[in-house]
Amino acid sequence: FFHLPNHFWVHKNHKLVVEAVNLLNNKNIKLNIVCTGNTFDYRQPDFFNEFIKLIKDKKIEKQFFILGVVPYSDVISLMKNSVSIINPSLFEGWSTTVEESKSLDKNILLSDIPVHREQNPKRGIFFDPKSASNLADKMEECFSAKSNYLYNKKNNEIKDKELKKKIINFAKNFEDIVLEASKIFKNI
């Protein structure tokens, strides 16, 4: 499965993913999409219903698993176990999804917008955010490169250990900073 961890807001460009999945289905390539994030946008309250109607009209509703807002630990688990993460946004601030994919050493399919280029993920794969066929091609490449998927599955344990080491090192460094600061301020 591919993980699409974006709120259902118009600029997050979910409909492009629907069109890409439909194009892949036409080539007899069946892929699943797991969506997480808020399903309501006060600015466009009908958007989520429009999205649901679109996947039903395309007869691909069984390929989309919409989980809504889930605990952060579940989001990370979905990211880690996906073939790739997808961020098709038309515009963004600094994307935490990109940063999370970097820390997990995951493939991420990214709309080719300036902020995504600036974040420069090592395993980023860029696509035109207005081209469903371009995204479909990138999804097919990603899915076909089973070695990437198997690499991620095989090495999750190693990555988990590396991530734990990074977290422990960060915590130790932070603790040292706090202790040093407390000594300085203790004397003031």
C-alpha atoms as a PDB file:
ATOM      1  CA  PHE A   1       0.000   0.000   0.000  1.00  0.00           C
ATOM      2  CA  PHE A   2       0.895   3.658  -0.431  1.00  0.00           C
ATOM      3  CA  HIS A   3       0.346   6.002   2.493  1.00  0.00           C
ATOM      4  CA  LEU A   4      -1.293   9.380   1.928  1.00  0.00           C
ATOM      5  CA  PRO A   5      -1.048  11.173   5.313  1.00  0.00           C
ATOM      6  CA  ASN A   6      -2.727  14.480   4.497  1.00  0.00           C
ATOM      7  CA  HIS A   7      -5.822  16.218   5.795  1.00  0.00           C
ATOM      8  CA  PHE A   8      -8.642  16.232   3.266  1.00  0.00           C
ATOM      9  CA  TRP A   9      -8.144  19.804   2.191  1.00  0.00           C
ATOM     10  CA  VAL A  10      -8.427  20.834  -1.470  1.00  0.00           C
ATOM     11  CA  HIS A  11      -4.820  22.027  -1.800  1.00  0.00           C
ATOM     12  CA  LYS A  12      -3.560  18.646  -0.531  1.00  0.00           C
ATOM     13  CA  ASN A  13      -4.521  17.338  -3.994  1.00  0.00           C
ATOM     14  CA  HIS A  14      -6.083  13.966  -3.086  1.00  0.00           C
ATOM     15  CA  LYS A  15      -8.059  13.884  -6.329  1.00  0.00           C
ATOM     16  CA  LEU A  16      -4.807  13.604  -8.297  1.00  0.00           C
ATOM     17  CA  VAL A  17      -4.073  10.341  -6.464  1.00  0.00           C
ATOM     18  CA  VAL A  18      -7.546   9.062  -7.383  1.00  0.00           C
ATOM     19  CA  GLU A  19      -6.883   9.838 -11.046  1.00  0.00           C
ATOM     20  CA  ALA A  20      -3.446   8.167 -10.867  1.00  0.00           C
ATOM     21  CA  VAL A  21      -4.896   5.004  -9.284  1.00  0.00           C
ATOM     22  CA  ASN A  22      -7.577   4.923 -11.978  1.00  0.00           C
ATOM     23  CA  LEU A  23      -4.911   5.177 -14.704  1.00  0.00           C
ATOM     24  CA  LEU A  24      -2.964   2.334 -13.100  1.00  0.00           C
ATOM     25  CA  ASN A  25      -6.115   0.213 -12.914  1.00  0.00           C
ATOM     26  CA  ASN A  26      -6.562   0.752 -16.655  1.00  0.00           C
ATOM     27  CA  LYS A  27      -3.129  -0.893 -17.029  1.00  0.00           C
ATOM     28  CA  ASN A  28      -4.277  -3.713 -14.727  1.00  0.00           C
ATOM     29  CA  ILE A  29      -2.025  -2.514 -11.894  1.00  0.00           C
ATOM     30  CA  LYS A  30      -4.012  -2.573  -8.669  1.00  0.00           C
ATOM     31  CA  LEU A  31      -2.581  -0.559  -5.784  1.00  0.00           C
ATOM     32  CA  ASN A  32      -4.055   0.337  -2.405  1.00  0.00           C
ATOM     33  CA  ILE A  33      -3.967   3.750  -0.758  1.00  0.00           C
ATOM     34  CA  VAL A  34      -4.203   4.240   3.000  1.00  0.00           C
ATOM     35  CA  CYS A  35      -5.337   7.769   3.865  1.00  0.00           C
ATOM     36  CA  THR A  36      -4.924   9.352   7.279  1.00  0.00           C
ATOM     37  CA  GLY A  37      -5.868  12.844   8.361  1.00  0.00           C
ATOM     38  CA  ASN A  38      -8.811  15.035   9.190  1.00  0.00           C
ATOM     39  CA  THR A  39     -11.743  14.494   6.827  1.00  0.00           C
ATOM     40  CA  PHE A  40     -13.305  17.911   7.453  1.00  0.00           C
ATOM     41  CA  ASP A  41     -12.282  21.293   6.110  1.00  0.00           C
ATOM     42  CA  TYR A  42     -14.402  24.209   7.349  1.00  0.00           C
ATOM     43  CA  ARG A  43     -13.352  26.210   4.265  1.00  0.00           C
ATOM     44  CA  GLN A  44     -14.808  23.619   1.896  1.00  0.00           C
ATOM     45  CA  PRO A  45     -17.117  21.382   3.937  1.00  0.00           C
ATOM     46  CA  ASP A  46     -18.252  19.370   0.887  1.00  0.00           C
ATOM     47  CA  PHE A  47     -14.763  18.393  -0.233  1.00  0.00           C
ATOM     48  CA  PHE A  48     -14.581  15.026   1.538  1.00  0.00           C
ATOM     49  CA  ASN A  49     -17.988  13.979   0.183  1.00  0.00           C
ATOM     50  CA  GLU A  50     -16.838  14.993  -3.310  1.00  0.00           C
ATOM     51  CA  PHE A  51     -13.741  12.861  -2.829  1.00  0.00           C
ATOM     52  CA  ILE A  52     -15.822   9.841  -1.765  1.00  0.00           C
ATOM     53  CA  LYS A  53     -18.134  10.339  -4.753  1.00  0.00           C
ATOM     54  CA  LEU A  54     -15.126  10.465  -7.081  1.00  0.00           C
ATOM     55  CA  ILE A  55     -13.638   7.178  -5.849  1.00  0.00           C
ATOM     56  CA  LYS A  56     -17.080   5.555  -6.104  1.00  0.00           C
ATOM     57  CA  ASP A  57     -17.617   6.928  -9.626  1.00  0.00           C
ATOM     58  CA  LYS A  58     -14.235   5.464 -10.635  1.00  0.00           C
ATOM     59  CA  LYS A  59     -15.204   2.184  -8.915  1.00  0.00           C
ATOM     60  CA  ILE A  60     -12.009   2.193  -6.860  1.00  0.00           C
ATOM     61  CA  GLU A  61     -13.448   2.670  -3.366  1.00  0.00           C
ATOM     62  CA  LYS A  62     -12.125  -0.763  -2.328  1.00  0.00           C
ATOM     63  CA  GLN A  63      -8.585   0.456  -2.999  1.00  0.00           C
ATOM     64  CA  PHE A  64      -8.840   3.455  -0.656  1.00  0.00           C
ATOM     65  CA  PHE A  65      -8.699   2.878   3.093  1.00  0.00           C
ATOM     66  CA  ILE A  66      -9.675   6.105   4.833  1.00  0.00           C
ATOM     67  CA  LEU A  67      -8.718   5.931   8.500  1.00  0.00           C
ATOM     68  CA  GLY A  68      -9.210   9.600   9.426  1.00  0.00           C
ATOM     69  CA  VAL A  69      -7.241  10.984  12.357  1.00  0.00           C
ATOM     70  CA  VAL A  70      -5.226   8.214  14.003  1.00  0.00           C
ATOM     71  CA  PRO A  71      -2.645   8.175  16.807  1.00  0.00           C
ATOM     72  CA  TYR A  72       0.789   9.399  15.777  1.00  0.00           C
ATOM     73  CA  SER A  73       2.351   5.983  16.483  1.00  0.00           C
ATOM     74  CA  ASP A  74      -0.047   4.481  13.932  1.00  0.00           C
ATOM     75  CA  VAL A  75       0.916   7.107  11.353  1.00  0.00           C
ATOM     76  CA  ILE A  76       4.581   6.220  11.798  1.00  0.00           C
ATOM     77  CA  SER A  77       3.811   2.500  11.546  1.00  0.00           C
ATOM     78  CA  LEU A  78       1.865   3.083   8.334  1.00  0.00           C
ATOM     79  CA  MET A  79       4.725   5.147   6.925  1.00  0.00           C
ATOM     80  CA  LYS A  80       7.288   2.504   7.817  1.00  0.00           C
ATOM     81  CA  ASN A  81       5.272  -0.342   6.320  1.00  0.00           C
ATOM     82  CA  SER A  82       4.117   1.377   3.144  1.00  0.00           C
ATOM     83  CA  VAL A  83       5.704   0.929  -0.256  1.00  0.00           C
ATOM     84  CA  SER A  84       5.976   4.704  -0.296  1.00  0.00           C
ATOM     85  CA  ILE A  85       4.481   7.821   1.205  1.00  0.00           C
ATOM     86  CA  ILE A  86       2.697  10.254  -1.132  1.00  0.00           C
ATOM     87  CA  ASN A  87       2.507  14.016  -0.652  1.00  0.00           C
ATOM     88  CA  PRO A  88       0.748  15.499  -3.725  1.00  0.00           C
ATOM     89  CA  SER A  89       0.147  18.987  -2.278  1.00  0.00           C
ATOM     90  CA  LEU A  90      -0.164  21.999  -4.535  1.00  0.00           C
ATOM     91  CA  PHE A  91       1.495  24.150  -1.861  1.00  0.00           C
ATOM     92  CA  GLU A  92       2.906  23.615   1.625  1.00  0.00           C
ATOM     93  CA  GLY A  93       4.673  25.237   4.467  1.00  0.00           C
ATOM     94  CA  TRP A  94       7.513  23.100   5.796  1.00  0.00           C
ATOM     95  CA  SER A  95       6.205  19.536   5.478  1.00  0.00           C
ATOM     96  CA  THR A  96       6.517  17.304   8.525  1.00  0.00           C
ATOM     97  CA  THR A  97       5.619  14.353   6.277  1.00  0.00           C
ATOM     98  CA  VAL A  98       8.827  14.949   4.334  1.00  0.00           C
ATOM     99  CA  GLU A  99      10.878  15.211   7.522  1.00  0.00           C
ATOM    100  CA  GLU A 100       9.323  12.021   8.898  1.00  0.00           C
ATOM    101  CA  SER A 101      10.066  10.136   5.688  1.00  0.00           C
ATOM    102  CA  LYS A 102      13.670  11.358   5.893  1.00  0.00           C
ATOM    103  CA  SER A 103      14.050  10.115   9.453  1.00  0.00           C
ATOM    104  CA  LEU A 104      12.533   6.754   8.481  1.00  0.00           C
ATOM    105  CA  ASP A 105      14.634   6.516   5.292  1.00  0.00           C
ATOM    106  CA  LYS A 106      11.467   5.977   3.267  1.00  0.00           C
ATOM    107  CA  ASN A 107      10.626   6.599  -0.354  1.00  0.00           C
ATOM    108  CA  ILE A 108       8.330   9.577  -0.679  1.00  0.00           C
ATOM    109  CA  LEU A 109       6.516  10.628  -3.824  1.00  0.00           C
ATOM    110  CA  LEU A 110       6.410  14.419  -3.758  1.00  0.00           C
ATOM    111  CA  SER A 111       4.715  17.081  -5.794  1.00  0.00           C
ATOM    112  CA  ASP A 112       7.425  19.099  -7.483  1.00  0.00           C
ATOM    113  CA  ILE A 113       6.948  22.343  -5.571  1.00  0.00           C
ATOM    114  CA  PRO A 114       9.687  24.606  -4.181  1.00  0.00           C
ATOM    115  CA  VAL A 115       9.362  23.660  -0.501  1.00  0.00           C
ATOM    116  CA  HIS A 116       9.608  19.950  -1.267  1.00  0.00           C
ATOM    117  CA  ARG A 117      12.746  20.603  -3.325  1.00  0.00           C
ATOM    118  CA  GLU A 118      14.139  22.695  -0.477  1.00  0.00           C
ATOM    119  CA  GLN A 119      13.561  19.883   2.025  1.00  0.00           C
ATOM    120  CA  ASN A 120      15.568  17.668  -0.332  1.00  0.00           C
ATOM    121  CA  PRO A 121      14.733  14.162   0.926  1.00  0.00           C
ATOM    122  CA  LYS A 122      17.339  11.575  -0.055  1.00  0.00           C
ATOM    123  CA  ARG A 123      14.636   9.163  -1.203  1.00  0.00           C
ATOM    124  CA  GLY A 124      12.326  11.779  -2.691  1.00  0.00           C
ATOM    125  CA  ILE A 125      10.751  11.088  -6.076  1.00  0.00           C
ATOM    126  CA  PHE A 126       9.206  14.192  -7.644  1.00  0.00           C
ATOM    127  CA  PHE A 127       6.182  14.417  -9.922  1.00  0.00           C
ATOM    128  CA  ASP A 128       4.165  17.158 -11.595  1.00  0.00           C
ATOM    129  CA  PRO A 129       1.332  18.006  -9.141  1.00  0.00           C
ATOM    130  CA  LYS A 130      -1.033  18.628 -12.066  1.00  0.00           C
ATOM    131  CA  SER A 131      -0.319  15.388 -13.930  1.00  0.00           C
ATOM    132  CA  ALA A 132      -2.092  12.205 -12.864  1.00  0.00           C
ATOM    133  CA  SER A 133      -0.182  10.260 -15.509  1.00  0.00           C
ATOM    134  CA  ASN A 134       3.161  11.485 -14.149  1.00  0.00           C
ATOM    135  CA  LEU A 135       2.169  10.441 -10.622  1.00  0.00           C
ATOM    136  CA  ALA A 136       0.867   7.085 -11.919  1.00  0.00           C
ATOM    137  CA  ASP A 137       4.216   6.462 -13.633  1.00  0.00           C
ATOM    138  CA  LYS A 138       6.111   7.234 -10.415  1.00  0.00           C
ATOM    139  CA  MET A 139       3.786   5.018  -8.370  1.00  0.00           C
ATOM    140  CA  GLU A 140       4.272   2.172 -10.845  1.00  0.00           C
ATOM    141  CA  GLU A 141       8.061   2.595 -10.734  1.00  0.00           C
ATOM    142  CA  CYS A 142       8.010   2.612  -6.959  1.00  0.00           C
ATOM    143  CA  PHE A 143       5.765  -0.435  -6.737  1.00  0.00           C
ATOM    144  CA  SER A 144       7.712  -2.309  -9.407  1.00  0.00           C
ATOM    145  CA  ALA A 145      10.998  -1.686  -7.624  1.00  0.00           C
ATOM    146  CA  LYS A 146      10.217  -4.462  -5.184  1.00  0.00           C
ATOM    147  CA  SER A 147      13.820  -4.326  -4.068  1.00  0.00           C
ATOM    148  CA  ASN A 148      13.054  -0.934  -2.497  1.00  0.00           C
ATOM    149  CA  TYR A 149      10.055  -2.398  -0.725  1.00  0.00           C
ATOM    150  CA  LEU A 150      11.904  -5.539   0.343  1.00  0.00           C
ATOM    151  CA  TYR A 151      14.899  -3.457   1.374  1.00  0.00           C
ATOM    152  CA  ASN A 152      12.644  -1.447   3.648  1.00  0.00           C
ATOM    153  CA  LYS A 153      10.935  -4.532   5.059  1.00  0.00           C
ATOM    154  CA  LYS A 154      14.229  -6.370   5.682  1.00  0.00           C
ATOM    155  CA  ASN A 155      15.954  -3.427   7.211  1.00  0.00           C
ATOM    156  CA  ASN A 156      13.158  -2.070   9.388  1.00  0.00           C
ATOM    157  CA  GLU A 157      14.706  -3.775  12.403  1.00  0.00           C
ATOM    158  CA  ILE A 158      18.106  -2.227  11.680  1.00  0.00           C
ATOM    159  CA  LYS A 159      16.514   1.166  11.047  1.00  0.00           C
ATOM    160  CA  ASP A 160      14.545   0.913  14.278  1.00  0.00           C
ATOM    161  CA  LYS A 161      17.773   0.292  16.200  1.00  0.00           C
ATOM    162  CA  GLU A 162      19.468   3.223  14.425  1.00  0.00           C
ATOM    163  CA  LEU A 163      16.494   5.472  15.154  1.00  0.00           C
ATOM    164  CA  LYS A 164      16.515   4.435  18.816  1.00  0.00           C
ATOM    165  CA  LYS A 165      20.241   5.277  18.977  1.00  0.00           C
ATOM    166  CA  LYS A 166      19.554   8.697  17.434  1.00  0.00           C
ATOM    167  CA  ILE A 167      16.787   9.368  19.944  1.00  0.00           C
ATOM    168  CA  ILE A 168      18.978   8.267  22.878  1.00  0.00           C
ATOM    169  CA  ASN A 169      21.869  10.432  21.633  1.00  0.00           C
ATOM    170  CA  PHE A 170      19.530  13.388  21.208  1.00  0.00           C
ATOM    171  CA  ALA A 171      18.138  12.869  24.718  1.00  0.00           C
ATOM    172  CA  LYS A 172      21.661  12.625  26.218  1.00  0.00           C
ATOM    173  CA  ASN A 173      22.776  15.780  24.401  1.00  0.00           C
ATOM    174  CA  PHE A 174      19.654  17.592  25.528  1.00  0.00           C
ATOM    175  CA  GLU A 175      20.193  16.420  29.098  1.00  0.00           C
ATOM    176  CA  ASP A 176      23.804  17.678  28.991  1.00  0.00           C
ATOM    177  CA  ILE A 177      22.620  21.066  27.755  1.00  0.00           C
ATOM    178  CA  VAL A 178      19.990  21.306  30.512  1.00  0.00           C
ATOM    179  CA  LEU A 179      22.478  20.278  33.202  1.00  0.00           C
ATOM    180  CA  GLU A 180      25.050  22.772  31.942  1.00  0.00           C
ATOM    181  CA  ALA A 181      22.424  25.524  31.806  1.00  0.00           C
ATOM    182  CA  SER A 182      21.241  24.704  35.331  1.00  0.00           C
ATOM    183  CA  LYS A 183      24.827  25.047  36.608  1.00  0.00           C
ATOM    184  CA  ILE A 184      25.182  28.422  34.933  1.00  0.00           C
ATOM    185  CA  PHE A 185      21.854  29.751  36.209  1.00  0.00           C
ATOM    186  CA  LYS A 186      22.388  28.247  39.650  1.00  0.00           C
ATOM    187  CA  ASN A 187      25.347  30.573  40.089  1.00  0.00           C
ATOM    188  CA  ILE A 188      23.468  33.681  39.007  1.00  0.00           C
END
